[in-house]
N, C-alpha and C. Protein backbone atom coordinates (compact mmCIF):
# COMPACT_ATOMS: atom_id res chain seq x y z
N MET A 1 44.00 -11.93 -3.24
CA MET A 1 43.84 -11.85 -4.67
C MET A 1 43.18 -10.51 -4.99
N LEU A 2 43.84 -9.72 -5.76
CA LEU A 2 43.32 -8.42 -6.17
C LEU A 2 42.71 -8.52 -7.54
N VAL A 3 41.64 -7.77 -7.73
CA VAL A 3 40.96 -7.76 -9.01
C VAL A 3 41.17 -6.38 -9.62
N ASP A 4 41.66 -6.36 -10.83
CA ASP A 4 41.85 -5.09 -11.52
C ASP A 4 40.57 -4.75 -12.28
N LEU A 5 39.94 -3.66 -11.89
CA LEU A 5 38.73 -3.21 -12.56
C LEU A 5 38.99 -1.86 -13.18
N SER A 6 38.56 -1.71 -14.37
CA SER A 6 38.63 -0.39 -14.98
C SER A 6 37.39 0.39 -14.53
N PHE A 7 37.40 1.67 -14.84
CA PHE A 7 36.26 2.51 -14.47
C PHE A 7 34.98 2.04 -15.14
N ASN A 8 35.05 1.65 -16.40
CA ASN A 8 33.87 1.19 -17.12
C ASN A 8 33.32 -0.11 -16.54
N GLU A 9 34.19 -1.03 -16.17
CA GLU A 9 33.74 -2.28 -15.57
C GLU A 9 33.08 -2.03 -14.22
N ALA A 10 33.69 -1.15 -13.42
CA ALA A 10 33.11 -0.81 -12.12
C ALA A 10 31.76 -0.14 -12.30
N TYR A 11 31.64 0.73 -13.29
CA TYR A 11 30.37 1.41 -13.56
C TYR A 11 29.30 0.41 -13.98
N ASN A 12 29.67 -0.55 -14.83
CA ASN A 12 28.71 -1.56 -15.28
C ASN A 12 28.27 -2.47 -14.14
N ILE A 13 29.14 -2.68 -13.16
CA ILE A 13 28.78 -3.51 -12.01
C ILE A 13 27.92 -2.72 -11.02
N LEU A 14 28.27 -1.47 -10.76
CA LEU A 14 27.60 -0.68 -9.74
C LEU A 14 26.28 -0.06 -10.19
N LYS A 15 26.08 0.11 -11.49
CA LYS A 15 24.85 0.74 -11.97
C LYS A 15 23.60 -0.03 -11.55
N PRO A 16 23.52 -1.36 -11.76
CA PRO A 16 22.32 -2.08 -11.30
C PRO A 16 22.15 -2.02 -9.77
N LEU A 17 23.26 -2.01 -9.05
CA LEU A 17 23.18 -1.93 -7.59
C LEU A 17 22.58 -0.60 -7.15
N VAL A 18 22.99 0.49 -7.76
CA VAL A 18 22.47 1.81 -7.41
C VAL A 18 20.99 1.90 -7.77
N ILE A 19 20.61 1.36 -8.91
CA ILE A 19 19.19 1.37 -9.31
C ILE A 19 18.37 0.54 -8.32
N PHE A 20 18.89 -0.60 -7.90
CA PHE A 20 18.19 -1.44 -6.92
C PHE A 20 18.03 -0.72 -5.58
N ILE A 21 19.09 -0.07 -5.11
CA ILE A 21 19.03 0.67 -3.84
C ILE A 21 18.03 1.81 -3.95
N PHE A 22 18.02 2.52 -5.06
CA PHE A 22 17.06 3.61 -5.26
C PHE A 22 15.63 3.07 -5.23
N GLY A 23 15.40 1.93 -5.88
CA GLY A 23 14.08 1.31 -5.87
C GLY A 23 13.66 0.90 -4.46
N MET A 24 14.59 0.37 -3.69
CA MET A 24 14.28 -0.02 -2.31
C MET A 24 13.95 1.19 -1.44
N VAL A 25 14.62 2.30 -1.67
CA VAL A 25 14.32 3.53 -0.92
C VAL A 25 12.91 4.01 -1.26
N ILE A 26 12.56 4.03 -2.55
CA ILE A 26 11.22 4.44 -2.95
C ILE A 26 10.18 3.51 -2.35
N TYR A 27 10.43 2.21 -2.38
CA TYR A 27 9.51 1.23 -1.80
C TYR A 27 9.36 1.44 -0.30
N SER A 28 10.47 1.70 0.40
CA SER A 28 10.41 1.91 1.85
C SER A 28 9.61 3.14 2.21
N VAL A 29 9.78 4.21 1.44
CA VAL A 29 9.01 5.43 1.70
C VAL A 29 7.53 5.16 1.47
N PHE A 30 7.19 4.42 0.43
CA PHE A 30 5.80 4.07 0.16
C PHE A 30 5.22 3.25 1.31
N ILE A 31 5.92 2.23 1.76
CA ILE A 31 5.44 1.37 2.85
C ILE A 31 5.31 2.17 4.14
N PHE A 32 6.28 3.04 4.43
CA PHE A 32 6.22 3.87 5.63
C PHE A 32 4.98 4.75 5.61
N ASN A 33 4.73 5.43 4.50
CA ASN A 33 3.56 6.30 4.41
C ASN A 33 2.26 5.50 4.43
N PHE A 34 2.26 4.33 3.83
CA PHE A 34 1.07 3.49 3.83
C PHE A 34 0.73 3.04 5.25
N TYR A 35 1.73 2.58 6.01
CA TYR A 35 1.47 2.15 7.38
C TYR A 35 1.10 3.32 8.28
N ARG A 36 1.68 4.48 8.03
CA ARG A 36 1.30 5.67 8.80
C ARG A 36 -0.15 6.03 8.51
N PHE A 37 -0.57 5.88 7.25
CA PHE A 37 -1.96 6.10 6.88
C PHE A 37 -2.88 5.11 7.61
N LEU A 38 -2.47 3.85 7.68
CA LEU A 38 -3.29 2.84 8.35
C LEU A 38 -3.34 3.03 9.86
N ALA A 39 -2.31 3.65 10.43
CA ALA A 39 -2.24 3.81 11.88
C ALA A 39 -3.15 4.91 12.39
N LYS A 40 -3.69 5.72 11.49
CA LYS A 40 -4.62 6.76 11.93
C LYS A 40 -5.85 6.10 12.54
N ILE A 41 -6.45 6.78 13.47
CA ILE A 41 -7.60 6.22 14.18
C ILE A 41 -8.78 6.01 13.22
N ASP A 42 -9.16 7.01 12.48
CA ASP A 42 -10.28 6.91 11.56
C ASP A 42 -9.78 7.04 10.13
N VAL A 43 -9.55 5.90 9.49
CA VAL A 43 -9.09 5.94 8.11
C VAL A 43 -10.20 6.49 7.22
N PHE A 44 -11.40 6.01 7.44
CA PHE A 44 -12.56 6.60 6.79
C PHE A 44 -13.61 6.79 7.88
N ASP A 45 -14.26 7.91 7.86
CA ASP A 45 -15.13 8.32 8.95
C ASP A 45 -16.56 7.83 8.71
N LEU A 46 -16.84 6.60 9.18
CA LEU A 46 -18.18 6.06 9.03
C LEU A 46 -19.08 6.46 10.20
N ASN A 47 -18.52 6.54 11.40
CA ASN A 47 -19.27 6.88 12.61
C ASN A 47 -20.49 5.96 12.75
N LEU A 48 -20.24 4.66 12.79
CA LEU A 48 -21.33 3.70 12.92
C LEU A 48 -21.97 3.72 14.30
N SER A 49 -21.34 4.36 15.27
CA SER A 49 -21.92 4.41 16.61
C SER A 49 -23.21 5.23 16.64
N LYS A 50 -23.42 6.09 15.67
CA LYS A 50 -24.67 6.87 15.64
C LYS A 50 -25.88 5.96 15.37
N HIS A 51 -25.65 4.77 14.84
CA HIS A 51 -26.75 3.83 14.59
C HIS A 51 -27.10 3.01 15.82
N ASN A 52 -26.26 3.12 16.86
CA ASN A 52 -26.49 2.39 18.10
C ASN A 52 -27.45 3.21 18.96
N THR A 53 -28.75 2.97 18.79
CA THR A 53 -29.76 3.76 19.50
C THR A 53 -30.36 3.00 20.68
N THR A 54 -29.77 1.87 21.06
CA THR A 54 -30.30 1.12 22.20
C THR A 54 -29.90 1.81 23.49
N GLU A 55 -30.65 1.53 24.54
CA GLU A 55 -30.34 2.10 25.85
C GLU A 55 -29.08 1.44 26.39
N PRO A 56 -28.34 2.15 27.25
CA PRO A 56 -27.11 1.56 27.80
C PRO A 56 -27.40 0.27 28.56
N SER A 57 -26.91 -0.80 28.01
CA SER A 57 -27.10 -2.12 28.63
C SER A 57 -26.11 -3.08 27.99
N VAL A 58 -26.27 -4.33 28.30
CA VAL A 58 -25.42 -5.36 27.71
C VAL A 58 -25.68 -5.43 26.20
N LEU A 59 -26.94 -5.29 25.81
CA LEU A 59 -27.29 -5.32 24.40
C LEU A 59 -26.63 -4.16 23.64
N SER A 60 -26.54 -3.02 24.27
CA SER A 60 -25.87 -1.86 23.66
C SER A 60 -24.39 -2.13 23.43
N ASN A 61 -23.76 -2.77 24.42
CA ASN A 61 -22.34 -3.10 24.28
C ASN A 61 -22.11 -4.14 23.18
N VAL A 62 -22.99 -5.12 23.10
CA VAL A 62 -22.87 -6.14 22.04
C VAL A 62 -23.05 -5.51 20.67
N PHE A 63 -24.01 -4.62 20.56
CA PHE A 63 -24.25 -3.93 19.29
C PHE A 63 -23.05 -3.06 18.90
N ALA A 64 -22.45 -2.40 19.89
CA ALA A 64 -21.26 -1.57 19.63
C ALA A 64 -20.10 -2.43 19.16
N ILE A 65 -19.93 -3.60 19.75
CA ILE A 65 -18.86 -4.52 19.35
C ILE A 65 -19.11 -5.02 17.93
N LEU A 66 -20.35 -5.32 17.59
CA LEU A 66 -20.67 -5.77 16.23
C LEU A 66 -20.41 -4.68 15.20
N LEU A 67 -20.76 -3.44 15.53
CA LEU A 67 -20.50 -2.34 14.59
C LEU A 67 -19.00 -2.09 14.43
N TYR A 68 -18.25 -2.20 15.53
CA TYR A 68 -16.80 -2.05 15.46
C TYR A 68 -16.20 -3.14 14.59
N GLY A 69 -16.65 -4.38 14.79
CA GLY A 69 -16.16 -5.49 13.98
C GLY A 69 -16.49 -5.32 12.51
N LEU A 70 -17.69 -4.84 12.23
CA LEU A 70 -18.08 -4.59 10.85
C LEU A 70 -17.17 -3.57 10.20
N GLU A 71 -16.86 -2.50 10.93
CA GLU A 71 -16.05 -1.43 10.36
C GLU A 71 -14.59 -1.83 10.16
N TYR A 72 -13.98 -2.43 11.20
CA TYR A 72 -12.54 -2.67 11.14
C TYR A 72 -12.14 -4.08 10.73
N LEU A 73 -13.05 -5.02 10.76
CA LEU A 73 -12.70 -6.39 10.35
C LEU A 73 -13.23 -6.75 8.97
N ILE A 74 -14.22 -6.03 8.48
CA ILE A 74 -14.79 -6.34 7.17
C ILE A 74 -14.60 -5.18 6.20
N LEU A 75 -15.06 -3.99 6.56
CA LEU A 75 -15.03 -2.87 5.62
C LEU A 75 -13.61 -2.34 5.37
N LEU A 76 -12.80 -2.19 6.41
CA LEU A 76 -11.45 -1.65 6.21
C LEU A 76 -10.58 -2.58 5.36
N PRO A 77 -10.52 -3.90 5.63
CA PRO A 77 -9.74 -4.77 4.74
C PRO A 77 -10.26 -4.76 3.30
N ALA A 78 -11.58 -4.69 3.13
CA ALA A 78 -12.13 -4.63 1.76
C ALA A 78 -11.72 -3.32 1.09
N PHE A 79 -11.75 -2.23 1.82
CA PHE A 79 -11.34 -0.92 1.31
C PHE A 79 -9.87 -0.96 0.86
N ILE A 80 -9.02 -1.52 1.69
CA ILE A 80 -7.59 -1.62 1.35
C ILE A 80 -7.38 -2.55 0.16
N PHE A 81 -8.04 -3.70 0.15
CA PHE A 81 -7.88 -4.66 -0.94
C PHE A 81 -8.27 -4.06 -2.28
N PHE A 82 -9.46 -3.45 -2.34
CA PHE A 82 -9.92 -2.90 -3.62
C PHE A 82 -9.13 -1.66 -4.02
N GLY A 83 -8.65 -0.90 -3.06
CA GLY A 83 -7.79 0.24 -3.39
C GLY A 83 -6.47 -0.21 -4.00
N LEU A 84 -5.86 -1.23 -3.40
CA LEU A 84 -4.60 -1.75 -3.95
C LEU A 84 -4.83 -2.48 -5.27
N LEU A 85 -5.97 -3.14 -5.42
CA LEU A 85 -6.30 -3.79 -6.68
C LEU A 85 -6.45 -2.76 -7.80
N ARG A 86 -7.11 -1.65 -7.47
CA ARG A 86 -7.25 -0.58 -8.45
C ARG A 86 -5.88 -0.04 -8.84
N TRP A 87 -4.99 0.16 -7.88
CA TRP A 87 -3.64 0.66 -8.14
C TRP A 87 -2.86 -0.34 -9.00
N HIS A 88 -3.04 -1.63 -8.73
CA HIS A 88 -2.36 -2.67 -9.51
C HIS A 88 -2.79 -2.61 -10.98
N PHE A 89 -4.10 -2.54 -11.23
CA PHE A 89 -4.57 -2.50 -12.61
C PHE A 89 -4.13 -1.23 -13.32
N TYR A 90 -4.11 -0.12 -12.59
CA TYR A 90 -3.64 1.12 -13.18
C TYR A 90 -2.18 0.98 -13.62
N LEU A 91 -1.35 0.46 -12.74
CA LEU A 91 0.07 0.29 -13.10
C LEU A 91 0.23 -0.74 -14.21
N HIS A 92 -0.54 -1.80 -14.16
CA HIS A 92 -0.43 -2.85 -15.17
C HIS A 92 -0.74 -2.31 -16.56
N PHE A 93 -1.85 -1.61 -16.70
CA PHE A 93 -2.22 -1.10 -18.02
C PHE A 93 -1.33 0.05 -18.46
N TYR A 94 -0.89 0.87 -17.52
CA TYR A 94 0.00 1.98 -17.86
C TYR A 94 1.34 1.44 -18.36
N LEU A 95 1.90 0.49 -17.63
CA LEU A 95 3.20 -0.06 -18.03
C LEU A 95 3.07 -0.87 -19.31
N LYS A 96 1.95 -1.55 -19.50
CA LYS A 96 1.76 -2.33 -20.71
C LYS A 96 1.76 -1.41 -21.94
N ARG A 97 1.06 -0.28 -21.84
CA ARG A 97 1.04 0.66 -22.96
C ARG A 97 2.42 1.28 -23.17
N SER A 98 3.12 1.58 -22.07
CA SER A 98 4.44 2.20 -22.20
C SER A 98 5.42 1.24 -22.87
N LEU A 99 5.37 -0.04 -22.48
CA LEU A 99 6.28 -1.01 -23.08
C LEU A 99 5.96 -1.25 -24.54
N LEU A 100 4.67 -1.26 -24.91
CA LEU A 100 4.30 -1.43 -26.31
C LEU A 100 4.81 -0.24 -27.13
N LYS A 101 4.70 0.96 -26.60
CA LYS A 101 5.23 2.12 -27.31
C LYS A 101 6.74 2.02 -27.48
N LEU A 102 7.40 1.50 -26.45
CA LEU A 102 8.84 1.36 -26.52
C LEU A 102 9.24 0.35 -27.59
N TYR A 103 8.50 -0.75 -27.73
CA TYR A 103 8.83 -1.75 -28.72
C TYR A 103 8.58 -1.30 -30.14
N PHE A 104 7.58 -0.45 -30.34
CA PHE A 104 7.21 -0.07 -31.70
C PHE A 104 7.74 1.31 -32.10
N LEU A 105 8.77 1.78 -31.43
CA LEU A 105 9.36 3.07 -31.81
C LEU A 105 10.12 2.97 -33.11
């Protein structure tokens, strides 16, 4: 079964598809750069090991593990969460104002 499509019908069908593909490419580039940013060794340079002033022993190793856990299990996820939350609110208010301007033109 063949479907006869005119150029205008094909354009109307393909336009949303092209916009969707373009959006997916932009999203993929964002995710790629975000994960590359997270893969760096020191996302933020706290250097908590300088606070470990105990002599080399078991206690020193436990303290080092606690500082590592504090940095990468508590502070880094909080940093990412609040950074993305800030980005969300920025986009939300920016788009809200843009849409209101569009409606009241």
